[in-house]
Amino acid sequence: VIDVGSEWRTFSNEKSGVDPSRVGGPENPLFSGSDLSTIIGPGTGAASFYADGAAKYQNRRT
């Protein structure tokens, strides 16, 4: 069973536990199950390539 509802959490370092924080977003059916993704933009100058010309960062889909 998978609960796709919003998750609320109260962090232990807060003095009062009456204001929970939302963790994560709701499920979006338009993304067809791939709600979480990260895309790293291209670097600039020496930060973007190794000495042999290969890109240091590549986007991956798992």
Protein backbone atom coordinates (compact mmCIF):
# COMPACT_ATOMS: atom_id res chain seq x y z
CA VAL A 1 0.00 0.00 0.00
CA ILE A 2 1.40 3.37 -1.02
CA ASP A 3 0.11 6.52 0.64
CA VAL A 4 0.26 9.39 -1.88
CA GLY A 5 -1.07 11.96 0.58
CA SER A 6 0.93 14.90 1.85
CA GLU A 7 3.37 14.23 4.66
CA TRP A 8 3.52 16.63 7.60
CA ARG A 9 6.38 16.69 10.06
CA THR A 10 7.24 18.60 13.22
CA PHE A 11 10.98 19.05 13.61
CA SER A 12 12.45 18.20 17.01
CA ASN A 13 14.49 21.40 17.35
CA GLU A 14 11.37 23.57 17.34
CA LYS A 15 10.14 24.71 20.75
CA SER A 16 6.44 24.36 20.00
CA GLY A 17 5.11 21.43 18.05
CA VAL A 18 1.91 23.14 16.93
CA ASP A 19 3.10 24.23 13.46
CA PRO A 20 4.01 21.19 11.35
CA SER A 21 6.00 21.64 8.13
CA ARG A 22 4.98 20.05 4.87
CA VAL A 23 7.51 17.58 3.51
CA GLY A 24 7.38 17.02 -0.25
CA GLY A 25 4.69 17.93 -2.69
CA PRO A 26 1.48 16.17 -3.62
CA GLU A 27 1.44 13.59 -6.40
CA ASN A 28 0.81 15.11 -9.82
CA PRO A 29 -0.88 12.75 -12.33
CA LEU A 30 0.51 14.79 -15.24
CA PHE A 31 4.05 13.62 -14.44
CA SER A 32 3.07 9.92 -14.64
CA GLY A 33 4.95 8.81 -11.54
CA SER A 34 8.17 10.76 -12.00
CA ASP A 35 7.43 13.59 -9.56
CA LEU A 36 10.99 13.91 -8.27
CA SER A 37 13.77 14.89 -10.64
CA THR A 38 16.90 17.00 -10.58
CA ILE A 39 18.51 18.66 -13.56
CA ILE A 40 21.98 20.15 -13.25
CA GLY A 41 22.63 22.99 -15.65
CA PRO A 42 25.83 23.29 -17.64
CA GLY A 43 28.85 24.75 -15.89
CA THR A 44 30.85 27.65 -17.20
CA GLY A 45 34.55 27.80 -17.98
CA ALA A 46 36.83 25.24 -16.31
CA ALA A 47 33.98 24.10 -14.04
CA SER A 48 32.14 22.39 -16.88
CA PHE A 49 34.75 20.06 -18.47
CA TYR A 50 37.64 17.82 -17.47
CA ALA A 51 41.05 18.34 -19.09
CA ASP A 52 40.24 15.68 -21.73
CA GLY A 53 37.10 17.57 -22.82
CA ALA A 54 34.54 15.25 -21.18
CA ALA A 55 31.65 16.92 -19.37
CA LYS A 56 31.95 16.83 -15.57
CA TYR A 57 28.20 16.62 -14.94
CA GLN A 58 25.63 14.60 -16.83
CA ASN A 59 21.88 14.40 -16.28
CA ARG A 60 20.64 10.89 -15.50
CA ARG A 61 17.16 9.44 -15.31
CA THR A 62 16.78 6.49 -12.99
